[in-house]
């Protein structure tokens, strides 16, 4: 991965921040990096007492579910 610099302006959107900071070149890379960095949080949410509705509404879980339902190409070329 390229050398990462912190964005000078935070957007409030961690995916956009990863793109602006150079940690990812595409939205897919940024989403993957964000989810990978927060895997422990996802696991904690799975074991939490949240209702199914609250669980699915959590931003990390919503992102995870959205990524899993998107069709992805095997190549970009």
Protein backbone atom coordinates (compact mmCIF):
# COMPACT_ATOMS: atom_id res chain seq x y z
CA UNK A 1 0.00 0.00 0.00
CA UNK A 2 1.26 3.54 -0.71
CA UNK A 3 2.69 5.77 1.97
CA UNK A 4 -0.26 7.14 3.90
CA UNK A 5 -0.53 10.71 5.02
CA UNK A 6 -3.27 12.02 7.25
CA UNK A 7 -5.79 14.18 5.40
CA UNK A 8 -5.52 17.83 6.35
CA UNK A 9 -9.29 18.13 6.46
CA UNK A 10 -11.39 15.35 7.91
CA UNK A 11 -14.67 14.78 6.14
CA UNK A 12 -16.48 12.91 8.90
CA UNK A 13 -16.62 9.94 6.53
CA UNK A 14 -13.87 7.41 7.30
CA UNK A 15 -13.98 6.01 3.74
CA UNK A 16 -13.49 9.47 2.22
CA UNK A 17 -10.71 10.16 4.72
CA UNK A 18 -8.85 7.00 3.64
CA UNK A 19 -9.16 8.06 0.00
CA UNK A 20 -8.03 11.63 0.67
CA UNK A 21 -5.15 10.46 2.84
CA UNK A 22 -3.89 8.12 0.12
CA UNK A 23 -4.47 4.95 2.13
CA UNK A 24 -6.71 3.63 -0.65
CA UNK A 25 -7.03 4.23 -4.37
CA UNK A 26 -10.63 3.13 -4.74
CA UNK A 27 -13.78 3.14 -2.65
CA UNK A 28 -13.63 -0.67 -2.53
CA UNK A 29 -10.06 -0.55 -1.15
CA UNK A 30 -11.06 2.07 1.41
CA UNK A 31 -14.07 0.07 2.57
CA UNK A 32 -11.98 -3.09 2.87
CA UNK A 33 -9.26 -1.27 4.84
CA UNK A 34 -11.82 0.31 7.15
CA UNK A 35 -13.57 -2.99 7.84
CA UNK A 36 -10.24 -4.79 8.35
CA UNK A 37 -9.16 -2.13 10.86
CA UNK A 38 -12.43 -2.51 12.77
CA UNK A 39 -12.81 -6.29 12.74
CA UNK A 40 -12.63 -6.46 16.54
CA UNK A 41 -15.51 -3.97 16.71
CA UNK A 42 -17.56 -6.09 14.29
CA UNK A 43 -16.94 -9.18 16.41
CA UNK A 44 -17.96 -7.27 19.55
CA UNK A 45 -21.16 -6.16 17.84
CA UNK A 46 -21.96 -9.76 16.86
CA UNK A 47 -21.71 -10.75 20.52
CA UNK A 48 -23.63 -7.73 21.79
CA UNK A 49 -27.18 -7.57 23.05
CA UNK A 50 -28.33 -5.30 20.22
CA UNK A 51 -31.63 -6.18 18.62
CA UNK A 52 -31.47 -7.37 15.03
CA UNK A 53 -32.71 -3.97 13.87
CA UNK A 54 -30.10 -2.08 15.94
CA UNK A 55 -27.37 -4.49 14.81
CA UNK A 56 -28.18 -4.03 11.11
CA UNK A 57 -28.42 -0.25 11.54
CA UNK A 58 -24.92 0.07 13.03
CA UNK A 59 -22.64 1.79 10.45
CA UNK A 60 -20.00 -0.98 10.49
CA UNK A 61 -22.56 -3.72 10.00
CA UNK A 62 -24.46 -1.72 7.36
CA UNK A 63 -21.20 -1.32 5.42
CA UNK A 64 -20.34 -4.99 5.80
CA UNK A 65 -23.79 -6.08 4.61
CA UNK A 66 -23.74 -3.62 1.71
CA UNK A 67 -20.33 -4.85 0.54
CA UNK A 68 -21.49 -8.45 0.71
CA UNK A 69 -24.50 -7.77 -1.47
CA UNK A 70 -22.67 -5.90 -4.23
CA UNK A 71 -21.52 -7.69 -7.35
CA UNK A 72 -17.76 -7.35 -7.71
CA UNK A 73 -15.74 -7.91 -10.85
CA UNK A 74 -12.78 -10.27 -10.71
CA UNK A 75 -10.66 -7.82 -12.66
CA UNK A 76 -10.59 -4.13 -13.34
CA UNK A 77 -9.09 -4.41 -16.80
